[in-house]
Amino acid sequence: MITIKQVEAFYWTAKLGTVQRAASKLHVTQSAATKRLQELERIAALPLFDASGRKSALTPKGLELLGLCEEFLAATARLDEVKASAKHVARTLHIGITEMVALTWFPTLVRKLKSIYPQVTLQPDVDLSASLHDKVSDGRLDIAVIIEPFNDSTMASVRLGSAEFGWVAPPGTFDSEKVYSLEQLSALPLIQQDKGSGARILCDTQFAQAGIEPQRINGSNSLVTLAGLVEAGVGVSCIPLRLFNHEIREQRIQVVKTDPAAPSLTYYAVFLKQHQAALGYAVADMARQCCDFEAKNRQTRRQKAP
């Protein structure tokens, strides 16, 4: 008789590529995971993995069984939701968020989650969108909030909301009443996050479409640091305007009007379709309700030292 443990060992080995990664995901020893796979292969009466390659490539029989296991695990997750509400099940939810989310509405989501699921412990991971996507894909995160979901058929995505970004420069660099082209904007160095940033991807696309190759400075993955570098006169950057209202009002940085305008960023909650999808949709729905990038009461930076 096939057991859930055998199915889980097979599913995660197929998903993550090695028995070692599957064992780590399931919090068991590698030998225990291997034993479960061997038991499942004996029941199937045919090899499930092609041992000729470095990674655990599936045989035709393995591919057939993988589809059945995905359906089985999804049904099991739904049944668990019905049998025992997450309100009464102690577990850890690994959730990935970007810095923008952490600085705005994430505390609201935490309070909502704890009020509905008091036994759930949150373990947040703040990172760039591309990295968070990879962590969901390989099972290190249960759910993540990222910019513009990647084309991945294994993941479900729920649209949450958008945030207004804008170009900022050192005070007095540009005429606040004029509209500038991207070519004129690129007269100053462009301060950016790493390539895994959703904002950088969209901005790079705009410059590429305009046929412009600006001087780039990889300033920091921190939005707060980017604003600080702009204030210091290093160059221009694309940041969420509402988050830095205080600095703009004090004329420590200035907003630059451009044509085309800076891209607005849309955020999505993403999670694997076949792994605790019921909980993923529940958390995503709460995130959608809490998503508010217009929060006015966030203190993002320390006051300047006297």
C-alpha atoms as a PDB file:
ATOM      1  CA  MET A   1       0.000   0.000   0.000  1.00  0.00           C
ATOM      2  CA  ILE A   2       1.344   3.425  -0.982  1.00  0.00           C
ATOM      3  CA  THR A   3       1.833   5.866   1.893  1.00  0.00           C
ATOM      4  CA  ILE A   4       1.744   9.657   1.960  1.00  0.00           C
ATOM      5  CA  LYS A   5       5.400   9.684   3.042  1.00  0.00           C
ATOM      6  CA  GLN A   6       6.381   7.712  -0.055  1.00  0.00           C
ATOM      7  CA  VAL A   7       4.391  10.036  -2.288  1.00  0.00           C
ATOM      8  CA  GLU A   8       5.947  13.128  -0.695  1.00  0.00           C
ATOM      9  CA  ALA A   9       9.464  11.717  -1.074  1.00  0.00           C
ATOM     10  CA  PHE A  10       8.836  10.969  -4.751  1.00  0.00           C
ATOM     11  CA  TYR A  11       7.151  14.328  -5.475  1.00  0.00           C
ATOM     12  CA  TRP A  12       9.868  16.472  -3.909  1.00  0.00           C
ATOM     13  CA  THR A  13      12.709  14.421  -5.396  1.00  0.00           C
ATOM     14  CA  ALA A  14      11.151  14.926  -8.821  1.00  0.00           C
ATOM     15  CA  LYS A  15      10.506  18.605  -8.094  1.00  0.00           C
ATOM     16  CA  LEU A  16      13.857  19.539  -6.546  1.00  0.00           C
ATOM     17  CA  GLY A  17      16.052  17.227  -8.625  1.00  0.00           C
ATOM     18  CA  THR A  18      17.887  15.276  -5.913  1.00  0.00           C
ATOM     19  CA  VAL A  19      17.050  13.007  -3.004  1.00  0.00           C
ATOM     20  CA  GLN A  20      19.198  15.180  -0.736  1.00  0.00           C
ATOM     21  CA  ARG A  21      17.111  18.296  -1.410  1.00  0.00           C
ATOM     22  CA  ALA A  22      13.890  16.352  -0.986  1.00  0.00           C
ATOM     23  CA  ALA A  23      15.073  14.968   2.346  1.00  0.00           C
ATOM     24  CA  SER A  24      15.970  18.480   3.512  1.00  0.00           C
ATOM     25  CA  LYS A  25      12.547  19.773   2.466  1.00  0.00           C
ATOM     26  CA  LEU A  26      10.783  16.941   4.325  1.00  0.00           C
ATOM     27  CA  HIS A  27      13.087  17.213   7.376  1.00  0.00           C
ATOM     28  CA  VAL A  28      14.189  13.564   7.155  1.00  0.00           C
ATOM     29  CA  THR A  29      17.528  11.879   6.549  1.00  0.00           C
ATOM     30  CA  GLN A  30      18.631  11.147   3.020  1.00  0.00           C
ATOM     31  CA  SER A  31      18.609   7.429   3.763  1.00  0.00           C
ATOM     32  CA  ALA A  32      14.982   7.630   4.946  1.00  0.00           C
ATOM     33  CA  ALA A  33      13.944   9.445   1.759  1.00  0.00           C
ATOM     34  CA  THR A  34      15.835   6.908  -0.369  1.00  0.00           C
ATOM     35  CA  LYS A  35      14.110   4.035   1.422  1.00  0.00           C
ATOM     36  CA  ARG A  36      10.688   5.541   0.723  1.00  0.00           C
ATOM     37  CA  LEU A  37      11.530   5.936  -2.957  1.00  0.00           C
ATOM     38  CA  GLN A  38      12.738   2.331  -3.173  1.00  0.00           C
ATOM     39  CA  GLU A  39       9.500   1.134  -1.548  1.00  0.00           C
ATOM     40  CA  LEU A  40       7.437   3.133  -4.038  1.00  0.00           C
ATOM     41  CA  GLU A  41       9.408   1.735  -6.993  1.00  0.00           C
ATOM     42  CA  ARG A  42       8.804  -1.822  -5.759  1.00  0.00           C
ATOM     43  CA  ILE A  43       5.074  -1.113  -5.622  1.00  0.00           C
ATOM     44  CA  ALA A  44       5.128   0.475  -9.081  1.00  0.00           C
ATOM     45  CA  ALA A  45       7.075  -2.561 -10.414  1.00  0.00           C
ATOM     46  CA  LEU A  46       9.016  -0.295 -12.787  1.00  0.00           C
ATOM     47  CA  PRO A  47      11.854   2.246 -12.338  1.00  0.00           C
ATOM     48  CA  LEU A  48      10.585   5.776 -11.694  1.00  0.00           C
ATOM     49  CA  PHE A  49      13.904   7.586 -12.204  1.00  0.00           C
ATOM     50  CA  ASP A  50      16.469   7.371 -14.978  1.00  0.00           C
ATOM     51  CA  ALA A  51      19.715   6.763 -13.117  1.00  0.00           C
ATOM     52  CA  SER A  52      21.890   7.553 -16.142  1.00  0.00           C
ATOM     53  CA  GLY A  53      21.977  11.310 -15.499  1.00  0.00           C
ATOM     54  CA  ARG A  54      23.324  13.429 -12.652  1.00  0.00           C
ATOM     55  CA  LYS A  55      19.897  14.587 -11.581  1.00  0.00           C
ATOM     56  CA  SER A  56      16.828  12.509 -10.874  1.00  0.00           C
ATOM     57  CA  ALA A  57      15.249  12.498 -14.334  1.00  0.00           C
ATOM     58  CA  LEU A  58      11.884  10.766 -14.507  1.00  0.00           C
ATOM     59  CA  THR A  59      11.143   7.725 -16.652  1.00  0.00           C
ATOM     60  CA  PRO A  60       7.841   7.646 -18.597  1.00  0.00           C
ATOM     61  CA  LYS A  61       6.352   5.671 -15.701  1.00  0.00           C
ATOM     62  CA  GLY A  62       7.682   8.282 -13.301  1.00  0.00           C
ATOM     63  CA  LEU A  63       6.105  11.129 -15.286  1.00  0.00           C
ATOM     64  CA  GLU A  64       2.776   9.337 -15.233  1.00  0.00           C
ATOM     65  CA  LEU A  65       3.005   8.784 -11.489  1.00  0.00           C
ATOM     66  CA  LEU A  66       4.075  12.392 -10.858  1.00  0.00           C
ATOM     67  CA  GLY A  67       0.802  13.692 -12.280  1.00  0.00           C
ATOM     68  CA  LEU A  68      -1.170  11.344 -10.044  1.00  0.00           C
ATOM     69  CA  CYS A  69       0.906  12.329  -7.001  1.00  0.00           C
ATOM     70  CA  GLU A  70       0.335  16.055  -7.658  1.00  0.00           C
ATOM     71  CA  GLU A  71      -3.422  15.468  -7.734  1.00  0.00           C
ATOM     72  CA  PHE A  72      -3.213  13.313  -4.604  1.00  0.00           C
ATOM     73  CA  LEU A  73      -1.214  15.873  -2.612  1.00  0.00           C
ATOM     74  CA  ALA A  74      -3.536  18.699  -3.688  1.00  0.00           C
ATOM     75  CA  ALA A  75      -6.563  16.672  -2.604  1.00  0.00           C
ATOM     76  CA  THR A  76      -4.869  15.802   0.691  1.00  0.00           C
ATOM     77  CA  ALA A  77      -4.159  19.487   1.351  1.00  0.00           C
ATOM     78  CA  ARG A  78      -7.787  20.382   0.721  1.00  0.00           C
ATOM     79  CA  LEU A  79      -8.924  17.577   3.002  1.00  0.00           C
ATOM     80  CA  ASP A  80      -6.610  18.795   5.765  1.00  0.00           C
ATOM     81  CA  GLU A  81      -8.143  22.258   5.452  1.00  0.00           C
ATOM     82  CA  VAL A  82     -11.591  20.778   5.942  1.00  0.00           C
ATOM     83  CA  LYS A  83     -10.652  18.389   8.766  1.00  0.00           C
ATOM     84  CA  ALA A  84      -8.681  20.852  10.835  1.00  0.00           C
ATOM     85  CA  SER A  85      -8.761  24.602  10.373  1.00  0.00           C
ATOM     86  CA  ALA A  86      -5.350  26.229  10.405  1.00  0.00           C
ATOM     87  CA  LYS A  87      -6.586  28.132  13.454  1.00  0.00           C
ATOM     88  CA  HIS A  88      -5.863  25.028  15.474  1.00  0.00           C
ATOM     89  CA  VAL A  89      -2.813  23.659  13.677  1.00  0.00           C
ATOM     90  CA  ALA A  90       0.597  24.850  14.818  1.00  0.00           C
ATOM     91  CA  ARG A  91       2.895  25.335  11.827  1.00  0.00           C
ATOM     92  CA  THR A  92       5.451  27.720  10.339  1.00  0.00           C
ATOM     93  CA  LEU A  93       4.580  29.749   7.253  1.00  0.00           C
ATOM     94  CA  HIS A  94       7.633  30.752   5.221  1.00  0.00           C
ATOM     95  CA  ILE A  95       6.681  33.934   3.371  1.00  0.00           C
ATOM     96  CA  GLY A  96       8.874  35.993   1.055  1.00  0.00           C
ATOM     97  CA  ILE A  97       8.426  39.750   0.656  1.00  0.00           C
ATOM     98  CA  THR A  98      10.248  42.617  -1.009  1.00  0.00           C
ATOM     99  CA  GLU A  99      11.575  45.583   0.960  1.00  0.00           C
ATOM    100  CA  MET A 100       8.732  47.733  -0.373  1.00  0.00           C
ATOM    101  CA  VAL A 101       6.158  45.379   1.155  1.00  0.00           C
ATOM    102  CA  ALA A 102       8.090  45.166   4.425  1.00  0.00           C
ATOM    103  CA  LEU A 103       8.123  48.965   4.748  1.00  0.00           C
ATOM    104  CA  THR A 104       4.417  49.460   4.024  1.00  0.00           C
ATOM    105  CA  TRP A 105       1.571  46.988   4.570  1.00  0.00           C
ATOM    106  CA  PHE A 106       3.278  43.801   5.808  1.00  0.00           C
ATOM    107  CA  PRO A 107       2.652  44.618   9.519  1.00  0.00           C
ATOM    108  CA  THR A 108      -1.079  44.816   8.709  1.00  0.00           C
ATOM    109  CA  LEU A 109      -0.945  41.381   7.093  1.00  0.00           C
ATOM    110  CA  VAL A 110       0.891  39.934  10.088  1.00  0.00           C
ATOM    111  CA  ARG A 111      -1.795  41.184  12.471  1.00  0.00           C
ATOM    112  CA  LYS A 112      -4.563  39.795  10.251  1.00  0.00           C
ATOM    113  CA  LEU A 113      -2.891  36.415   9.903  1.00  0.00           C
ATOM    114  CA  LYS A 114      -2.343  36.109  13.636  1.00  0.00           C
ATOM    115  CA  SER A 115      -5.965  37.022  14.382  1.00  0.00           C
ATOM    116  CA  ILE A 116      -7.275  34.323  12.030  1.00  0.00           C
ATOM    117  CA  TYR A 117      -4.534  31.695  12.425  1.00  0.00           C
ATOM    118  CA  PRO A 118      -3.103  32.253  15.938  1.00  0.00           C
ATOM    119  CA  GLN A 119      -1.138  28.997  15.882  1.00  0.00           C
ATOM    120  CA  VAL A 120       0.761  29.882  12.707  1.00  0.00           C
ATOM    121  CA  THR A 121       4.309  31.223  13.128  1.00  0.00           C
ATOM    122  CA  LEU A 122       5.487  33.522  10.348  1.00  0.00           C
ATOM    123  CA  GLN A 123       9.041  33.331   9.071  1.00  0.00           C
ATOM    124  CA  PRO A 124       9.550  36.235   6.625  1.00  0.00           C
ATOM    125  CA  ASP A 125      12.334  36.422   4.058  1.00  0.00           C
ATOM    126  CA  VAL A 126      13.054  39.882   2.577  1.00  0.00           C
ATOM    127  CA  ASP A 127      14.706  39.646  -0.836  1.00  0.00           C
ATOM    128  CA  LEU A 128      14.472  40.681  -4.489  1.00  0.00           C
ATOM    129  CA  SER A 129      11.590  39.403  -6.613  1.00  0.00           C
ATOM    130  CA  ALA A 130      13.632  37.032  -8.795  1.00  0.00           C
ATOM    131  CA  SER A 131      15.264  35.410  -5.776  1.00  0.00           C
ATOM    132  CA  LEU A 132      11.926  35.036  -3.974  1.00  0.00           C
ATOM    133  CA  HIS A 133      10.426  33.385  -7.057  1.00  0.00           C
ATOM    134  CA  ASP A 134      13.252  30.825  -7.087  1.00  0.00           C
ATOM    135  CA  LYS A 135      12.777  30.100  -3.391  1.00  0.00           C
ATOM    136  CA  VAL A 136       9.085  29.365  -3.905  1.00  0.00           C
ATOM    137  CA  SER A 137       9.889  27.199  -6.917  1.00  0.00           C
ATOM    138  CA  ASP A 138      12.313  24.967  -5.018  1.00  0.00           C
ATOM    139  CA  GLY A 139      10.187  24.724  -1.886  1.00  0.00           C
ATOM    140  CA  ARG A 140      12.129  26.991   0.459  1.00  0.00           C
ATOM    141  CA  LEU A 141       9.164  29.394   0.707  1.00  0.00           C
ATOM    142  CA  ASP A 142       5.455  28.602   0.963  1.00  0.00           C
ATOM    143  CA  ILE A 143       4.370  31.886  -0.620  1.00  0.00           C
ATOM    144  CA  ALA A 144       5.967  35.138  -1.784  1.00  0.00           C
ATOM    145  CA  VAL A 145       4.889  38.647  -2.757  1.00  0.00           C
ATOM    146  CA  ILE A 146       6.786  39.695  -5.872  1.00  0.00           C
ATOM    147  CA  ILE A 147       6.628  42.127  -8.778  1.00  0.00           C
ATOM    148  CA  GLU A 148       5.193  40.870 -12.078  1.00  0.00           C
ATOM    149  CA  PRO A 149       4.945  37.058 -11.762  1.00  0.00           C
ATOM    150  CA  PHE A 150       7.356  35.047 -13.898  1.00  0.00           C
ATOM    151  CA  ASN A 151       5.999  32.774 -16.625  1.00  0.00           C
ATOM    152  CA  ASP A 152       5.846  29.599 -14.537  1.00  0.00           C
ATOM    153  CA  SER A 153       3.092  27.037 -15.070  1.00  0.00           C
ATOM    154  CA  THR A 154       3.789  25.363 -11.718  1.00  0.00           C
ATOM    155  CA  MET A 155       2.778  28.463  -9.768  1.00  0.00           C
ATOM    156  CA  ALA A 156      -0.509  30.140  -8.976  1.00  0.00           C
ATOM    157  CA  SER A 157      -0.507  33.949  -8.852  1.00  0.00           C
ATOM    158  CA  VAL A 158      -2.967  36.364  -7.255  1.00  0.00           C
ATOM    159  CA  ARG A 159      -2.843  40.056  -8.153  1.00  0.00           C
ATOM    160  CA  LEU A 160      -2.588  42.251  -5.049  1.00  0.00           C
ATOM    161  CA  GLY A 161      -2.128  45.894  -6.099  1.00  0.00           C
ATOM    162  CA  SER A 162       0.181  48.459  -7.654  1.00  0.00           C
ATOM    163  CA  ALA A 163       2.656  51.019  -6.357  1.00  0.00           C
ATOM    164  CA  GLU A 164       3.597  54.305  -8.027  1.00  0.00           C
ATOM    165  CA  PHE A 165       7.297  54.693  -8.720  1.00  0.00           C
ATOM    166  CA  GLY A 166       9.002  57.834  -9.981  1.00  0.00           C
ATOM    167  CA  TRP A 167      12.371  59.192 -11.000  1.00  0.00           C
ATOM    168  CA  VAL A 168      14.195  61.266  -8.391  1.00  0.00           C
ATOM    169  CA  ALA A 169      17.357  63.346  -8.601  1.00  0.00           C
ATOM    170  CA  PRO A 170      19.481  65.594  -6.355  1.00  0.00           C
ATOM    171  CA  PRO A 171      17.674  68.902  -5.638  1.00  0.00           C
ATOM    172  CA  GLY A 172      18.025  71.549  -8.348  1.00  0.00           C
ATOM    173  CA  THR A 173      19.372  69.157 -10.975  1.00  0.00           C
ATOM    174  CA  PHE A 174      16.294  69.406 -13.209  1.00  0.00           C
ATOM    175  CA  ASP A 175      13.556  72.001 -13.732  1.00  0.00           C
ATOM    176  CA  SER A 176      10.564  70.748 -11.739  1.00  0.00           C
ATOM    177  CA  GLU A 177       8.131  72.207 -14.317  1.00  0.00           C
ATOM    178  CA  LYS A 178       9.631  70.525 -17.377  1.00  0.00           C
ATOM    179  CA  VAL A 179       9.211  67.019 -18.748  1.00  0.00           C
ATOM    180  CA  TYR A 180      12.442  65.244 -19.659  1.00  0.00           C
ATOM    181  CA  SER A 181      13.219  62.363 -21.975  1.00  0.00           C
ATOM    182  CA  LEU A 182      15.019  59.247 -20.767  1.00  0.00           C
ATOM    183  CA  GLU A 183      18.025  60.396 -22.768  1.00  0.00           C
ATOM    184  CA  GLN A 184      18.118  63.693 -20.863  1.00  0.00           C
ATOM    185  CA  LEU A 185      17.626  61.814 -17.588  1.00  0.00           C
ATOM    186  CA  SER A 186      20.601  59.580 -18.382  1.00  0.00           C
ATOM    187  CA  ALA A 187      22.918  62.601 -18.298  1.00  0.00           C
ATOM    188  CA  LEU A 188      23.395  61.549 -14.664  1.00  0.00           C
ATOM    189  CA  PRO A 189      24.437  58.047 -13.523  1.00  0.00           C
ATOM    190  CA  LEU A 190      21.545  55.654 -12.955  1.00  0.00           C
ATOM    191  CA  ILE A 191      21.571  54.176  -9.427  1.00  0.00           C
ATOM    192  CA  GLN A 192      19.914  50.753  -9.412  1.00  0.00           C
ATOM    193  CA  GLN A 193      19.309  47.584  -7.455  1.00  0.00           C
ATOM    194  CA  ASP A 194      20.693  44.238  -8.645  1.00  0.00           C
ATOM    195  CA  LYS A 195      19.290  42.530 -11.752  1.00  0.00           C
ATOM    196  CA  GLY A 196      16.919  40.416  -9.646  1.00  0.00           C
ATOM    197  CA  SER A 197      14.897  43.530  -8.796  1.00  0.00           C
ATOM    198  CA  GLY A 198      11.525  43.827 -10.524  1.00  0.00           C
ATOM    199  CA  ALA A 199      11.878  47.618 -10.637  1.00  0.00           C
ATOM    200  CA  ARG A 200      15.253  47.327 -12.365  1.00  0.00           C
ATOM    201  CA  ILE A 201      13.867  44.884 -14.937  1.00  0.00           C
ATOM    202  CA  LEU A 202      11.068  47.293 -15.890  1.00  0.00           C
ATOM    203  CA  CYS A 203      13.363  50.343 -15.981  1.00  0.00           C
ATOM    204  CA  ASP A 204      15.957  48.483 -18.057  1.00  0.00           C
ATOM    205  CA  THR A 205      13.190  47.588 -20.503  1.00  0.00           C
ATOM    206  CA  GLN A 206      12.245  51.262 -20.890  1.00  0.00           C
ATOM    207  CA  PHE A 207      15.826  52.299 -21.603  1.00  0.00           C
ATOM    208  CA  ALA A 208      16.325  49.404 -24.034  1.00  0.00           C
ATOM    209  CA  GLN A 209      13.153  50.333 -25.936  1.00  0.00           C
ATOM    210  CA  ALA A 210      14.448  53.913 -26.198  1.00  0.00           C
ATOM    211  CA  GLY A 211      17.837  52.685 -27.458  1.00  0.00           C
ATOM    212  CA  ILE A 212      19.669  54.226 -24.495  1.00  0.00           C
ATOM    213  CA  GLU A 213      22.500  52.672 -22.499  1.00  0.00           C
ATOM    214  CA  PRO A 214      22.881  54.824 -19.344  1.00  0.00           C
ATOM    215  CA  GLN A 215      25.821  54.808 -16.998  1.00  0.00           C
ATOM    216  CA  ARG A 216      24.700  52.351 -14.312  1.00  0.00           C
ATOM    217  CA  ILE A 217      25.673  52.231 -10.660  1.00  0.00           C
ATOM    218  CA  ASN A 218      24.641  49.204  -8.599  1.00  0.00           C
ATOM    219  CA  GLY A 219      24.079  51.262  -5.502  1.00  0.00           C
ATOM    220  CA  SER A 220      22.237  48.889  -3.187  1.00  0.00           C
ATOM    221  CA  ASN A 221      19.299  46.505  -2.967  1.00  0.00           C
ATOM    222  CA  SER A 222      17.835  48.784  -0.303  1.00  0.00           C
ATOM    223  CA  LEU A 223      15.357  51.431  -1.448  1.00  0.00           C
ATOM    224  CA  VAL A 224      16.304  53.568   1.540  1.00  0.00           C
ATOM    225  CA  THR A 225      19.959  53.484   0.497  1.00  0.00           C
ATOM    226  CA  LEU A 226      19.073  54.361  -3.103  1.00  0.00           C
ATOM    227  CA  ALA A 227      17.265  57.489  -1.883  1.00  0.00           C
ATOM    228  CA  GLY A 228      20.251  58.339   0.306  1.00  0.00           C
ATOM    229  CA  LEU A 229      22.647  58.073  -2.640  1.00  0.00           C
ATOM    230  CA  VAL A 230      20.417  60.352  -4.713  1.00  0.00           C
ATOM    231  CA  GLU A 231      20.341  62.877  -1.880  1.00  0.00           C
ATOM    232  CA  ALA A 232      24.140  62.687  -1.740  1.00  0.00           C
ATOM    233  CA  GLY A 233      24.308  63.743  -5.394  1.00  0.00           C
ATOM    234  CA  VAL A 234      25.527  60.427  -6.844  1.00  0.00           C
ATOM    235  CA  GLY A 235      22.869  60.183  -9.574  1.00  0.00           C
ATOM    236  CA  VAL A 236      19.197  59.493 -10.333  1.00  0.00           C
ATOM    237  CA  SER A 237      17.066  56.543  -9.322  1.00  0.00           C
ATOM    238  CA  CYS A 238      13.562  55.088  -9.657  1.00  0.00           C
ATOM    239  CA  ILE A 239      11.921  54.654  -6.241  1.00  0.00           C
ATOM    240  CA  PRO A 240       8.400  54.488  -4.735  1.00  0.00           C
ATOM    241  CA  LEU A 241       7.421  58.134  -4.309  1.00  0.00           C
ATOM    242  CA  ARG A 242       4.903  57.735  -1.488  1.00  0.00           C
ATOM    243  CA  LEU A 243       7.496  56.015   0.662  1.00  0.00           C
ATOM    244  CA  PHE A 244       9.760  59.074   0.470  1.00  0.00           C
ATOM    245  CA  ASN A 245       7.222  61.887   0.820  1.00  0.00           C
ATOM    246  CA  HIS A 246       9.172  63.275   3.776  1.00  0.00           C
ATOM    247  CA  GLU A 247      12.425  63.625   1.810  1.00  0.00           C
ATOM    248  CA  ILE A 248      10.581  65.131  -1.175  1.00  0.00           C
ATOM    249  CA  ARG A 249       8.743  67.701   0.953  1.00  0.00           C
ATOM    250  CA  GLU A 250      12.013  68.735   2.619  1.00  0.00           C
ATOM    251  CA  GLN A 251      13.575  69.079  -0.869  1.00  0.00           C
ATOM    252  CA  ARG A 252      16.295  66.603  -0.032  1.00  0.00           C
ATOM    253  CA  ILE A 253      15.470  64.867  -3.314  1.00  0.00           C
ATOM    254  CA  GLN A 254      13.385  66.106  -6.242  1.00  0.00           C
ATOM    255  CA  VAL A 255      10.891  64.293  -8.464  1.00  0.00           C
ATOM    256  CA  VAL A 256      11.712  64.413 -12.177  1.00  0.00           C
ATOM    257  CA  LYS A 257       8.865  64.338 -14.694  1.00  0.00           C
ATOM    258  CA  THR A 258       9.722  62.088 -17.625  1.00  0.00           C
ATOM    259  CA  ASP A 259       8.211  60.875 -20.881  1.00  0.00           C
ATOM    260  CA  PRO A 260       7.704  57.985 -20.720  1.00  0.00           C
ATOM    261  CA  ALA A 261       6.821  58.110 -17.041  1.00  0.00           C
ATOM    262  CA  ALA A 262       8.483  55.778 -14.572  1.00  0.00           C
ATOM    263  CA  PRO A 263       6.827  52.334 -14.568  1.00  0.00           C
ATOM    264  CA  SER A 264       4.200  51.455 -11.969  1.00  0.00           C
ATOM    265  CA  LEU A 265       4.909  48.133 -10.278  1.00  0.00           C
ATOM    266  CA  THR A 266       2.183  45.539  -9.793  1.00  0.00           C
ATOM    267  CA  TYR A 267       2.582  43.009  -6.996  1.00  0.00           C
ATOM    268  CA  TYR A 268       1.388  39.399  -6.923  1.00  0.00           C
ATOM    269  CA  ALA A 269       1.255  36.619  -4.351  1.00  0.00           C
ATOM    270  CA  VAL A 270       2.726  33.433  -5.838  1.00  0.00           C
ATOM    271  CA  PHE A 271       2.819  29.849  -4.560  1.00  0.00           C
ATOM    272  CA  LEU A 272       3.081  26.325  -5.942  1.00  0.00           C
ATOM    273  CA  LYS A 273      -0.210  25.025  -7.286  1.00  0.00           C
ATOM    274  CA  GLN A 274       0.286  21.514  -5.968  1.00  0.00           C
ATOM    275  CA  HIS A 275       1.681  22.256  -2.501  1.00  0.00           C
ATOM    276  CA  GLN A 276      -0.797  23.432   0.153  1.00  0.00           C
ATOM    277  CA  ALA A 277      -2.631  25.460  -2.475  1.00  0.00           C
ATOM    278  CA  ALA A 278      -5.650  25.974  -0.203  1.00  0.00           C
ATOM    279  CA  LEU A 279      -3.513  27.786   2.366  1.00  0.00           C
ATOM    280  CA  GLY A 280      -1.765  29.700  -0.423  1.00  0.00           C
ATOM    281  CA  TYR A 281      -5.048  31.081  -1.740  1.00  0.00           C
ATOM    282  CA  ALA A 282      -6.202  31.928   1.796  1.00  0.00           C
ATOM    283  CA  VAL A 283      -3.019  33.891   2.590  1.00  0.00           C
ATOM    284  CA  ALA A 284      -3.039  35.536  -0.850  1.00  0.00           C
ATOM    285  CA  ASP A 285      -6.597  36.735  -0.295  1.00  0.00           C
ATOM    286  CA  MET A 286      -5.626  38.269   3.052  1.00  0.00           C
ATOM    287  CA  ALA A 287      -2.595  39.905   1.402  1.00  0.00           C
ATOM    288  CA  ARG A 288      -4.882  41.378  -1.265  1.00  0.00           C
ATOM    289  CA  GLN A 289      -7.084  42.887   1.447  1.00  0.00           C
ATOM    290  CA  CYS A 290      -4.087  44.346   3.313  1.00  0.00           C
ATOM    291  CA  CYS A 291      -2.129  45.546   0.271  1.00  0.00           C
ATOM    292  CA  ASP A 292      -1.813  49.326   0.608  1.00  0.00           C
ATOM    293  CA  PHE A 293       1.257  51.110  -0.728  1.00  0.00           C
ATOM    294  CA  GLU A 294      -0.275  54.494   0.112  1.00  0.00           C
ATOM    295  CA  ALA A 295       0.386  54.157   3.849  1.00  0.00           C
ATOM    296  CA  LYS A 296       1.370  57.547   5.236  1.00  0.00           C
ATOM    297  CA  ASN A 297       2.717  56.630   8.640  1.00  0.00           C
ATOM    298  CA  ARG A 298       5.887  54.728   7.727  1.00  0.00           C
ATOM    299  CA  GLN A 299       9.142  56.123   9.096  1.00  0.00           C
ATOM    300  CA  THR A 300      11.574  54.873   6.466  1.00  0.00           C
ATOM    301  CA  ARG A 301      14.669  56.852   7.302  1.00  0.00           C
ATOM    302  CA  ARG A 302      16.332  58.370  10.301  1.00  0.00           C
ATOM    303  CA  GLN A 303      16.370  62.133  10.576  1.00  0.00           C
ATOM    304  CA  LYS A 304      19.610  63.711   9.431  1.00  0.00           C
ATOM    305  CA  ALA A 305      22.151  64.093  12.175  1.00  0.00           C
ATOM    306  CA  PRO A 306      22.666  67.685  13.350  1.00  0.00           C
END
